[in-house]
């Protein structure tokens, strides 16, 4: 076996592991917060690990999902009917 090549691969693997570990540690150290307790009372910890102030007002839209659910339900019933009978409802039989 080529011992020089094996040693070189091991050295490269260890160096790569050290670079990855260093990057991970620097990323952890550069965070402003890890959870909401690290921020002030009027702020929260975002997914970018920085404290953000709560918005002044929250807009909530009321979604009416009755019609989309009825369309999907009708499609499912129609699909089950076609699967069971092999034809669409109100379709004349071919003779």
PDB file of N, CA and C in Angstrom:
ATOM      1  N   UNK A   1       0.833  -1.166   0.000  1.00  0.00           N
ATOM      2  CA  UNK A   1       0.000   0.000   0.000  1.00  0.00           C
ATOM      3  C   UNK A   1       0.884   1.238   0.000  1.00  0.00           C
ATOM      4  N   UNK A   2       0.395   2.296  -0.652  1.00  0.00           N
ATOM      5  CA  UNK A   2       1.145   3.539  -0.740  1.00  0.00           C
ATOM      6  C   UNK A   2       0.943   4.332   0.547  1.00  0.00           C
ATOM      7  N   UNK A   3       1.964   4.368   1.412  1.00  0.00           N
ATOM      8  CA  UNK A   3       1.817   5.019   2.715  1.00  0.00           C
ATOM      9  C   UNK A   3       1.832   6.532   2.594  1.00  0.00           C
ATOM     10  N   UNK A   4       2.572   7.082   1.612  1.00  0.00           N
ATOM     11  CA  UNK A   4       2.602   8.538   1.442  1.00  0.00           C
ATOM     12  C   UNK A   4       1.219   9.052   1.032  1.00  0.00           C
ATOM     13  N   UNK A   5       0.543   8.329   0.152  1.00  0.00           N
ATOM     14  CA  UNK A   5      -0.800   8.718  -0.286  1.00  0.00           C
ATOM     15  C   UNK A   5      -1.807   8.613   0.840  1.00  0.00           C
ATOM     16  N   UNK A   6      -1.672   7.589   1.658  1.00  0.00           N
ATOM     17  CA  UNK A   6      -2.583   7.393   2.782  1.00  0.00           C
ATOM     18  C   UNK A   6      -2.409   8.501   3.804  1.00  0.00           C
ATOM     19  N   UNK A   7      -1.178   8.851   4.098  1.00  0.00           N
ATOM     20  CA  UNK A   7      -0.906   9.918   5.058  1.00  0.00           C
ATOM     21  C   UNK A   7      -1.432  11.250   4.522  1.00  0.00           C
ATOM     22  N   UNK A   8      -1.270  11.494   3.230  1.00  0.00           N
ATOM     23  CA  UNK A   8      -1.751  12.741   2.635  1.00  0.00           C
ATOM     24  C   UNK A   8      -3.271  12.829   2.722  1.00  0.00           C
ATOM     25  N   UNK A   9      -3.958  11.731   2.471  1.00  0.00           N
ATOM     26  CA  UNK A   9      -5.423  11.720   2.558  1.00  0.00           C
ATOM     27  C   UNK A   9      -5.875  11.987   3.989  1.00  0.00           C
ATOM     28  N   UNK A  10      -5.184  11.393   4.950  1.00  0.00           N
ATOM     29  CA  UNK A  10      -5.525  11.613   6.361  1.00  0.00           C
ATOM     30  C   UNK A  10      -5.303  13.068   6.740  1.00  0.00           C
ATOM     31  N   UNK A  11      -4.197  13.657   6.296  1.00  0.00           N
ATOM     32  CA  UNK A  11      -3.911  15.060   6.616  1.00  0.00           C
ATOM     33  C   UNK A  11      -4.965  15.971   5.998  1.00  0.00           C
ATOM     34  N   UNK A  12      -5.353  15.704   4.761  1.00  0.00           N
ATOM     35  CA  UNK A  12      -6.381  16.515   4.107  1.00  0.00           C
ATOM     36  C   UNK A  12      -7.719  16.377   4.818  1.00  0.00           C
ATOM     37  N   UNK A  13      -8.072  15.161   5.229  1.00  0.00           N
ATOM     38  CA  UNK A  13      -9.336  14.930   5.932  1.00  0.00           C
ATOM     39  C   UNK A  13      -9.358  15.653   7.275  1.00  0.00           C
ATOM     40  N   UNK A  14      -8.239  15.598   8.015  1.00  0.00           N
ATOM     41  CA  UNK A  14      -8.169  16.281   9.313  1.00  0.00           C
ATOM     42  C   UNK A  14      -8.252  17.794   9.107  1.00  0.00           C
ATOM     43  N   UNK A  15      -7.561  18.330   8.100  1.00  0.00           N
ATOM     44  CA  UNK A  15      -7.597  19.772   7.838  1.00  0.00           C
ATOM     45  C   UNK A  15      -9.018  20.207   7.465  1.00  0.00           C
ATOM     46  N   UNK A  16      -9.692  19.429   6.637  1.00  0.00           N
ATOM     47  CA  UNK A  16     -11.065  19.744   6.251  1.00  0.00           C
ATOM     48  C   UNK A  16     -11.995  19.702   7.460  1.00  0.00           C
ATOM     49  N   UNK A  17     -11.816  18.719   8.323  1.00  0.00           N
ATOM     50  CA  UNK A  17     -12.632  18.624   9.534  1.00  0.00           C
ATOM     51  C   UNK A  17     -12.388  19.828  10.444  1.00  0.00           C
ATOM     52  N   UNK A  18     -11.152  20.271  10.561  1.00  0.00           N
ATOM     53  CA  UNK A  18     -10.845  21.442  11.390  1.00  0.00           C
ATOM     54  C   UNK A  18     -11.460  22.715  10.807  1.00  0.00           C
ATOM     55  N   UNK A  19     -11.432  22.844   9.487  1.00  0.00           N
ATOM     56  CA  UNK A  19     -12.049  24.018   8.848  1.00  0.00           C
ATOM     57  C   UNK A  19     -13.548  24.010   9.086  1.00  0.00           C
ATOM     58  N   UNK A  20     -14.185  22.865   8.932  1.00  0.00           N
ATOM     59  CA  UNK A  20     -15.629  22.773   9.165  1.00  0.00           C
ATOM     60  C   UNK A  20     -15.967  23.050  10.627  1.00  0.00           C
ATOM     61  N   UNK A  21     -15.196  22.529  11.550  1.00  0.00           N
ATOM     62  CA  UNK A  21     -15.422  22.772  12.971  1.00  0.00           C
ATOM     63  C   UNK A  21     -15.231  24.250  13.297  1.00  0.00           C
ATOM     64  N   UNK A  22     -14.211  24.866  12.730  1.00  0.00           N
ATOM     65  CA  UNK A  22     -13.984  26.293  12.954  1.00  0.00           C
ATOM     66  C   UNK A  22     -15.122  27.135  12.413  1.00  0.00           C
ATOM     67  N   UNK A  23     -15.621  26.803  11.239  1.00  0.00           N
ATOM     68  CA  UNK A  23     -16.751  27.527  10.655  1.00  0.00           C
ATOM     69  C   UNK A  23     -17.989  27.396  11.536  1.00  0.00           C
ATOM     70  N   UNK A  24     -18.224  26.211  12.053  1.00  0.00           N
ATOM     71  CA  UNK A  24     -19.374  25.979  12.929  1.00  0.00           C
ATOM     72  C   UNK A  24     -19.246  26.788  14.218  1.00  0.00           C
ATOM     73  N   UNK A  25     -18.072  26.815  14.811  1.00  0.00           N
ATOM     74  CA  UNK A  25     -17.865  27.549  16.064  1.00  0.00           C
ATOM     75  C   UNK A  25     -18.006  29.055  15.824  1.00  0.00           C
ATOM     76  N   UNK A  26     -17.478  29.555  14.711  1.00  0.00           N
ATOM     77  CA  UNK A  26     -17.617  30.980  14.402  1.00  0.00           C
ATOM     78  C   UNK A  26     -19.082  31.333  14.182  1.00  0.00           C
ATOM     79  N   UNK A  27     -19.827  30.446  13.541  1.00  0.00           N
ATOM     80  CA  UNK A  27     -21.252  30.680  13.326  1.00  0.00           C
ATOM     81  C   UNK A  27     -22.000  30.743  14.655  1.00  0.00           C
ATOM     82  N   UNK A  28     -21.676  29.860  15.579  1.00  0.00           N
ATOM     83  CA  UNK A  28     -22.321  29.887  16.894  1.00  0.00           C
ATOM     84  C   UNK A  28     -21.961  31.155  17.663  1.00  0.00           C
ATOM     85  N   UNK A  29     -20.721  31.590  17.562  1.00  0.00           N
ATOM     86  CA  UNK A  29     -20.274  32.762  18.310  1.00  0.00           C
ATOM     87  C   UNK A  29     -20.849  34.061  17.763  1.00  0.00           C
ATOM     88  N   UNK A  30     -21.178  34.097  16.490  1.00  0.00           N
ATOM     89  CA  UNK A  30     -21.664  35.339  15.890  1.00  0.00           C
ATOM     90  C   UNK A  30     -23.165  35.541  16.061  1.00  0.00           C
ATOM     91  N   UNK A  31     -23.854  34.619  16.701  1.00  0.00           N
ATOM     92  CA  UNK A  31     -25.297  34.758  16.900  1.00  0.00           C
ATOM     93  C   UNK A  31     -25.581  35.816  17.954  1.00  0.00           C
ATOM     94  N   UNK A  32     -26.616  36.618  17.704  1.00  0.00           N
ATOM     95  CA  UNK A  32     -27.036  37.618  18.681  1.00  0.00           C
ATOM     96  C   UNK A  32     -27.918  36.985  19.752  1.00  0.00           C
ATOM     97  N   UNK A  33     -28.719  36.000  19.349  1.00  0.00           N
ATOM     98  CA  UNK A  33     -29.606  35.335  20.301  1.00  0.00           C
ATOM     99  C   UNK A  33     -29.795  33.881  19.877  1.00  0.00           C
ATOM    100  N   UNK A  34     -30.149  33.056  20.846  1.00  0.00           N
ATOM    101  CA  UNK A  34     -30.442  31.650  20.564  1.00  0.00           C
ATOM    102  C   UNK A  34     -31.910  31.330  20.790  1.00  0.00           C
ATOM    103  N   UNK A  35     -32.560  32.104  21.676  1.00  0.00           N
ATOM    104  CA  UNK A  35     -33.987  31.938  21.906  1.00  0.00           C
ATOM    105  C   UNK A  35     -34.565  33.280  22.323  1.00  0.00           C
ATOM    106  N   UNK A  36     -35.855  33.338  22.547  1.00  0.00           N
ATOM    107  CA  UNK A  36     -36.533  34.603  22.836  1.00  0.00           C
ATOM    108  C   UNK A  36     -36.093  35.214  24.161  1.00  0.00           C
ATOM    109  N   UNK A  37     -35.610  34.417  25.093  1.00  0.00           N
ATOM    110  CA  UNK A  37     -35.168  34.951  26.386  1.00  0.00           C
ATOM    111  C   UNK A  37     -33.911  35.804  26.260  1.00  0.00           C
ATOM    112  N   UNK A  38     -33.166  35.639  25.180  1.00  0.00           N
ATOM    113  CA  UNK A  38     -31.956  36.428  24.988  1.00  0.00           C
ATOM    114  C   UNK A  38     -32.258  37.840  24.486  1.00  0.00           C
ATOM    115  N   UNK A  39     -33.483  38.106  24.064  1.00  0.00           N
ATOM    116  CA  UNK A  39     -33.877  39.416  23.535  1.00  0.00           C
ATOM    117  C   UNK A  39     -34.634  40.200  24.602  1.00  0.00           C
ATOM    118  N   UNK A  40     -34.901  41.472  24.314  1.00  0.00           N
ATOM    119  CA  UNK A  40     -35.663  42.293  25.248  1.00  0.00           C
ATOM    120  C   UNK A  40     -37.126  41.858  25.249  1.00  0.00           C
ATOM    121  N   UNK A  41     -37.921  42.497  26.113  1.00  0.00           N
ATOM    122  CA  UNK A  41     -39.324  42.104  26.247  1.00  0.00           C
ATOM    123  C   UNK A  41     -40.138  42.390  24.990  1.00  0.00           C
ATOM    124  N   UNK A  42     -39.762  43.407  24.224  1.00  0.00           N
ATOM    125  CA  UNK A  42     -40.548  43.767  23.051  1.00  0.00           C
ATOM    126  C   UNK A  42     -39.923  43.237  21.764  1.00  0.00           C
ATOM    127  N   UNK A  43     -39.129  42.171  21.864  1.00  0.00           N
ATOM    128  CA  UNK A  43     -38.465  41.613  20.689  1.00  0.00           C
ATOM    129  C   UNK A  43     -38.495  40.089  20.762  1.00  0.00           C
ATOM    130  N   UNK A  44     -38.249  39.480  19.613  1.00  0.00           N
ATOM    131  CA  UNK A  44     -38.182  38.022  19.527  1.00  0.00           C
ATOM    132  C   UNK A  44     -36.944  37.627  18.731  1.00  0.00           C
ATOM    133  N   UNK A  45     -36.509  36.393  18.899  1.00  0.00           N
ATOM    134  CA  UNK A  45     -35.333  35.883  18.199  1.00  0.00           C
ATOM    135  C   UNK A  45     -35.791  35.275  16.876  1.00  0.00           C
ATOM    136  N   UNK A  46     -35.309  35.827  15.763  1.00  0.00           N
ATOM    137  CA  UNK A  46     -35.710  35.354  14.441  1.00  0.00           C
ATOM    138  C   UNK A  46     -34.886  34.164  14.002  1.00  0.00           C
ATOM    139  N   UNK A  47     -35.210  33.657  12.817  1.00  0.00           N
ATOM    140  CA  UNK A  47     -34.480  32.502  12.291  1.00  0.00           C
ATOM    141  C   UNK A  47     -33.069  32.861  11.856  1.00  0.00           C
ATOM    142  N   UNK A  48     -32.794  34.161  11.725  1.00  0.00           N
ATOM    143  CA  UNK A  48     -31.433  34.595  11.410  1.00  0.00           C
ATOM    144  C   UNK A  48     -30.620  34.834  12.679  1.00  0.00           C
ATOM    145  N   UNK A  49     -31.156  34.412  13.839  1.00  0.00           N
ATOM    146  CA  UNK A  49     -30.510  34.522  15.146  1.00  0.00           C
ATOM    147  C   UNK A  49     -30.196  35.967  15.501  1.00  0.00           C
ATOM    148  N   UNK A  50     -31.100  36.879  15.165  1.00  0.00           N
ATOM    149  CA  UNK A  50     -31.014  38.272  15.560  1.00  0.00           C
ATOM    150  C   UNK A  50     -32.329  38.663  16.202  1.00  0.00           C
ATOM    151  N   UNK A  51     -32.260  39.630  17.129  1.00  0.00           N
ATOM    152  CA  UNK A  51     -33.465  40.092  17.803  1.00  0.00           C
ATOM    153  C   UNK A  51     -34.221  41.058  16.903  1.00  0.00           C
ATOM    154  N   UNK A  52     -35.525  40.837  16.769  1.00  0.00           N
ATOM    155  CA  UNK A  52     -36.397  41.691  15.970  1.00  0.00           C
ATOM    156  C   UNK A  52     -37.521  42.185  16.864  1.00  0.00           C
ATOM    157  N   UNK A  53     -37.889  43.453  16.701  1.00  0.00           N
ATOM    158  CA  UNK A  53     -39.000  43.987  17.480  1.00  0.00           C
ATOM    159  C   UNK A  53     -40.319  43.436  16.966  1.00  0.00           C
ATOM    160  N   UNK A  54     -41.265  43.259  17.893  1.00  0.00           N
ATOM    161  CA  UNK A  54     -42.591  42.806  17.497  1.00  0.00           C
ATOM    162  C   UNK A  54     -43.237  43.862  16.608  1.00  0.00           C
ATOM    163  N   UNK A  55     -44.016  43.462  15.608  1.00  0.00           N
ATOM    164  CA  UNK A  55     -44.684  44.451  14.755  1.00  0.00           C
ATOM    165  C   UNK A  55     -45.750  45.210  15.544  1.00  0.00           C
ATOM    166  N   UNK A  56     -46.012  46.429  15.098  1.00  0.00           N
ATOM    167  CA  UNK A  56     -46.992  47.278  15.801  1.00  0.00           C
ATOM    168  C   UNK A  56     -48.401  46.729  15.640  1.00  0.00           C
ATOM    169  N   UNK A  57     -48.745  46.268  14.452  1.00  0.00           N
ATOM    170  CA  UNK A  57     -50.069  45.698  14.235  1.00  0.00           C
ATOM    171  C   UNK A  57     -49.939  44.448  13.373  1.00  0.00           C
ATOM    172  N   UNK A  58     -50.815  43.511  13.616  1.00  0.00           N
ATOM    173  CA  UNK A  58     -50.816  42.264  12.872  1.00  0.00           C
ATOM    174  C   UNK A  58     -52.091  42.205  12.041  1.00  0.00           C
ATOM    175  N   UNK A  59     -51.939  42.004  10.746  1.00  0.00           N
ATOM    176  CA  UNK A  59     -53.086  41.922   9.849  1.00  0.00           C
ATOM    177  C   UNK A  59     -53.413  40.452   9.635  1.00  0.00           C
ATOM    178  N   UNK A  60     -54.638  40.077   9.968  1.00  0.00           N
ATOM    179  CA  UNK A  60     -55.079  38.696   9.810  1.00  0.00           C
ATOM    180  C   UNK A  60     -56.178  38.672   8.760  1.00  0.00           C
ATOM    181  N   UNK A  61     -55.951  37.924   7.704  1.00  0.00           N
ATOM    182  CA  UNK A  61     -56.958  37.816   6.664  1.00  0.00           C
ATOM    183  C   UNK A  61     -57.864  36.626   6.952  1.00  0.00           C
ATOM    184  N   UNK A  62     -59.149  36.840   6.727  1.00  0.00           N
ATOM    185  CA  UNK A  62     -60.107  35.753   6.894  1.00  0.00           C
ATOM    186  C   UNK A  62     -60.251  35.056   5.547  1.00  0.00           C
ATOM    187  N   UNK A  63     -59.835  33.830   5.482  1.00  0.00           N
ATOM    188  CA  UNK A  63     -59.944  33.058   4.248  1.00  0.00           C
ATOM    189  C   UNK A  63     -61.215  32.219   4.282  1.00  0.00           C
ATOM    190  N   UNK A  64     -61.975  32.294   3.232  1.00  0.00           N
ATOM    191  CA  UNK A  64     -63.171  31.481   3.096  1.00  0.00           C
ATOM    192  C   UNK A  64     -62.815  30.307   2.187  1.00  0.00           C
ATOM    193  N   UNK A  65     -62.690  29.138   2.756  1.00  0.00           N
ATOM    194  CA  UNK A  65     -62.256  27.956   2.013  1.00  0.00           C
ATOM    195  C   UNK A  65     -63.406  27.005   1.709  1.00  0.00           C
ATOM    196  N   UNK A  66     -64.645  27.492   1.776  1.00  0.00           N
ATOM    197  CA  UNK A  66     -65.803  26.636   1.525  1.00  0.00           C
ATOM    198  C   UNK A  66     -65.840  26.216   0.058  1.00  0.00           C
ATOM    199  N   UNK A  67     -65.725  27.188  -0.863  1.00  0.00           N
ATOM    200  CA  UNK A  67     -65.828  26.845  -2.282  1.00  0.00           C
ATOM    201  C   UNK A  67     -64.686  25.959  -2.763  1.00  0.00           C
ATOM    202  N   UNK A  68     -63.445  26.227  -2.401  1.00  0.00           N
ATOM    203  CA  UNK A  68     -62.389  25.299  -2.832  1.00  0.00           C
ATOM    204  C   UNK A  68     -62.574  23.880  -2.278  1.00  0.00           C
ATOM    205  N   UNK A  69     -63.040  23.772  -1.028  1.00  0.00           N
ATOM    206  CA  UNK A  69     -63.266  22.437  -0.474  1.00  0.00           C
ATOM    207  C   UNK A  69     -64.424  21.725  -1.160  1.00  0.00           C
ATOM    208  N   UNK A  70     -65.450  22.482  -1.561  1.00  0.00           N
ATOM    209  CA  UNK A  70     -66.564  21.856  -2.277  1.00  0.00           C
ATOM    210  C   UNK A  70     -66.124  21.371  -3.660  1.00  0.00           C
ATOM    211  N   UNK A  71     -65.287  22.119  -4.343  1.00  0.00           N
ATOM    212  CA  UNK A  71     -64.789  21.706  -5.658  1.00  0.00           C
ATOM    213  C   UNK A  71     -63.947  20.446  -5.537  1.00  0.00           C
ATOM    214  N   UNK A  72     -63.065  20.401  -4.545  1.00  0.00           N
ATOM    215  CA  UNK A  72     -62.228  19.221  -4.349  1.00  0.00           C
ATOM    216  C   UNK A  72     -63.085  18.014  -3.985  1.00  0.00           C
ATOM    217  N   UNK A  73     -64.083  18.208  -3.115  1.00  0.00           N
ATOM    218  CA  UNK A  73     -64.968  17.100  -2.728  1.00  0.00           C
ATOM    219  C   UNK A  73     -65.751  16.576  -3.920  1.00  0.00           C
ATOM    220  N   UNK A  74     -66.282  17.475  -4.736  1.00  0.00           N
ATOM    221  CA  UNK A  74     -67.017  17.051  -5.926  1.00  0.00           C
ATOM    222  C   UNK A  74     -66.106  16.281  -6.875  1.00  0.00           C
ATOM    223  N   UNK A  75     -64.873  16.730  -7.022  1.00  0.00           N
ATOM    224  CA  UNK A  75     -63.924  16.011  -7.866  1.00  0.00           C
ATOM    225  C   UNK A  75     -63.623  14.625  -7.334  1.00  0.00           C
ATOM    226  N   UNK A  76     -63.497  14.493  -6.028  1.00  0.00           N
ATOM    227  CA  UNK A  76     -63.246  13.166  -5.442  1.00  0.00           C
ATOM    228  C   UNK A  76     -64.437  12.233  -5.629  1.00  0.00           C
ATOM    229  N   UNK A  77     -65.657  12.755  -5.433  1.00  0.00           N
ATOM    230  CA  UNK A  77     -66.849  11.932  -5.624  1.00  0.00           C
ATOM    231  C   UNK A  77     -66.965  11.510  -7.082  1.00  0.00           C
ATOM    232  N   UNK A  78     -66.732  12.427  -8.006  1.00  0.00           N
ATOM    233  CA  UNK A  78     -66.792  12.115  -9.434  1.00  0.00           C
ATOM    234  C   UNK A  78     -65.734  11.084  -9.812  1.00  0.00           C
ATOM    235  N   UNK A  79     -64.541  11.219  -9.265  1.00  0.00           N
ATOM    236  CA  UNK A  79     -63.480  10.247  -9.531  1.00  0.00           C
ATOM    237  C   UNK A  79     -63.852   8.860  -9.013  1.00  0.00           C
ATOM    238  N   UNK A  80     -64.442   8.795  -7.824  1.00  0.00           N
ATOM    239  CA  UNK A  80     -64.866   7.502  -7.277  1.00  0.00           C
ATOM    240  C   UNK A  80     -65.961   6.880  -8.138  1.00  0.00           C
ATOM    241  N   UNK A  81     -66.886   7.690  -8.619  1.00  0.00           N
ATOM    242  CA  UNK A  81     -67.960   7.179  -9.474  1.00  0.00           C
ATOM    243  C   UNK A  81     -67.407   6.631 -10.782  1.00  0.00           C
ATOM    244  N   UNK A  82     -66.494   7.365 -11.403  1.00  0.00           N
ATOM    245  CA  UNK A  82     -65.897   6.902 -12.660  1.00  0.00           C
ATOM    246  C   UNK A  82     -65.083   5.642 -12.421  1.00  0.00           C
ATOM    247  N   UNK A  83     -64.366   5.583 -11.318  1.00  0.00           N
ATOM    248  CA  UNK A  83     -63.550   4.401 -11.009  1.00  0.00           C
ATOM    249  C   UNK A  83     -64.434   3.169 -10.805  1.00  0.00           C
ATOM    250  N   UNK A  84     -65.589   3.354 -10.161  1.00  0.00           N
ATOM    251  CA  UNK A  84     -66.456   2.217  -9.876  1.00  0.00           C
ATOM    252  C   UNK A  84     -67.255   1.782 -11.106  1.00  0.00           C
ATOM    253  N   UNK A  85     -67.815   2.735 -11.866  1.00  0.00           N
ATOM    254  CA  UNK A  85     -68.713   2.394 -12.972  1.00  0.00           C
ATOM    255  C   UNK A  85     -68.030   2.424 -14.338  1.00  0.00           C
ATOM    256  N   UNK A  86     -66.910   3.049 -14.466  1.00  0.00           N
ATOM    257  CA  UNK A  86     -66.209   3.101 -15.731  1.00  0.00           C
ATOM    258  C   UNK A  86     -66.741   4.130 -16.704  1.00  0.00           C
ATOM    259  N   UNK A  87     -67.634   4.997 -16.278  1.00  0.00           N
ATOM    260  CA  UNK A  87     -68.170   6.038 -17.150  1.00  0.00           C
ATOM    261  C   UNK A  87     -68.572   7.231 -16.290  1.00  0.00           C
ATOM    262  N   UNK A  88     -68.741   8.381 -16.963  1.00  0.00           N
ATOM    263  CA  UNK A  88     -69.181   9.585 -16.270  1.00  0.00           C
ATOM    264  C   UNK A  88     -70.672   9.507 -15.992  1.00  0.00           C
ATOM    265  N   UNK A  89     -71.149  10.193 -14.943  1.00  0.00           N
ATOM    266  CA  UNK A  89     -72.593  10.211 -14.720  1.00  0.00           C
ATOM    267  C   UNK A  89     -73.288  10.976 -15.874  1.00  0.00           C
ATOM    268  N   UNK A  90     -74.483  10.564 -16.198  1.00  0.00           N
ATOM    269  CA  UNK A  90     -75.292  11.141 -17.269  1.00  0.00           C
ATOM    270  C   UNK A  90     -74.701  10.897 -18.658  1.00  0.00           C
ATOM    271  N   UNK A  91     -73.753  10.009 -18.746  1.00  0.00           N
ATOM    272  CA  UNK A  91     -73.174   9.668 -20.052  1.00  0.00           C
ATOM    273  C   UNK A  91     -73.932   8.454 -20.584  1.00  0.00           C
ATOM    274  N   UNK A  92     -74.299   8.513 -21.861  1.00  0.00           N
ATOM    275  CA  UNK A  92     -75.023   7.393 -22.456  1.00  0.00           C
ATOM    276  C   UNK A  92     -74.085   6.211 -22.639  1.00  0.00           C
ATOM    277  N   UNK A  93     -74.636   5.026 -22.457  1.00  0.00           N
ATOM    278  CA  UNK A  93     -73.840   3.816 -22.635  1.00  0.00           C
ATOM    279  C   UNK A  93     -73.637   3.548 -24.102  1.00  0.00           C
ATOM    280  N   UNK A  94     -72.428   3.117 -24.422  1.00  0.00           N
ATOM    281  CA  UNK A  94     -72.132   2.747 -25.808  1.00  0.00           C
ATOM    282  C   UNK A  94     -72.598   1.320 -26.037  1.00  0.00           C
ATOM    283  N   UNK A  95     -73.398   1.143 -27.072  1.00  0.00           N
ATOM    284  CA  UNK A  95     -73.901  -0.219 -27.346  1.00  0.00           C
ATOM    285  C   UNK A  95     -73.483  -0.686 -28.691  1.00  0.00           C
TER     286      UNK A  95
END
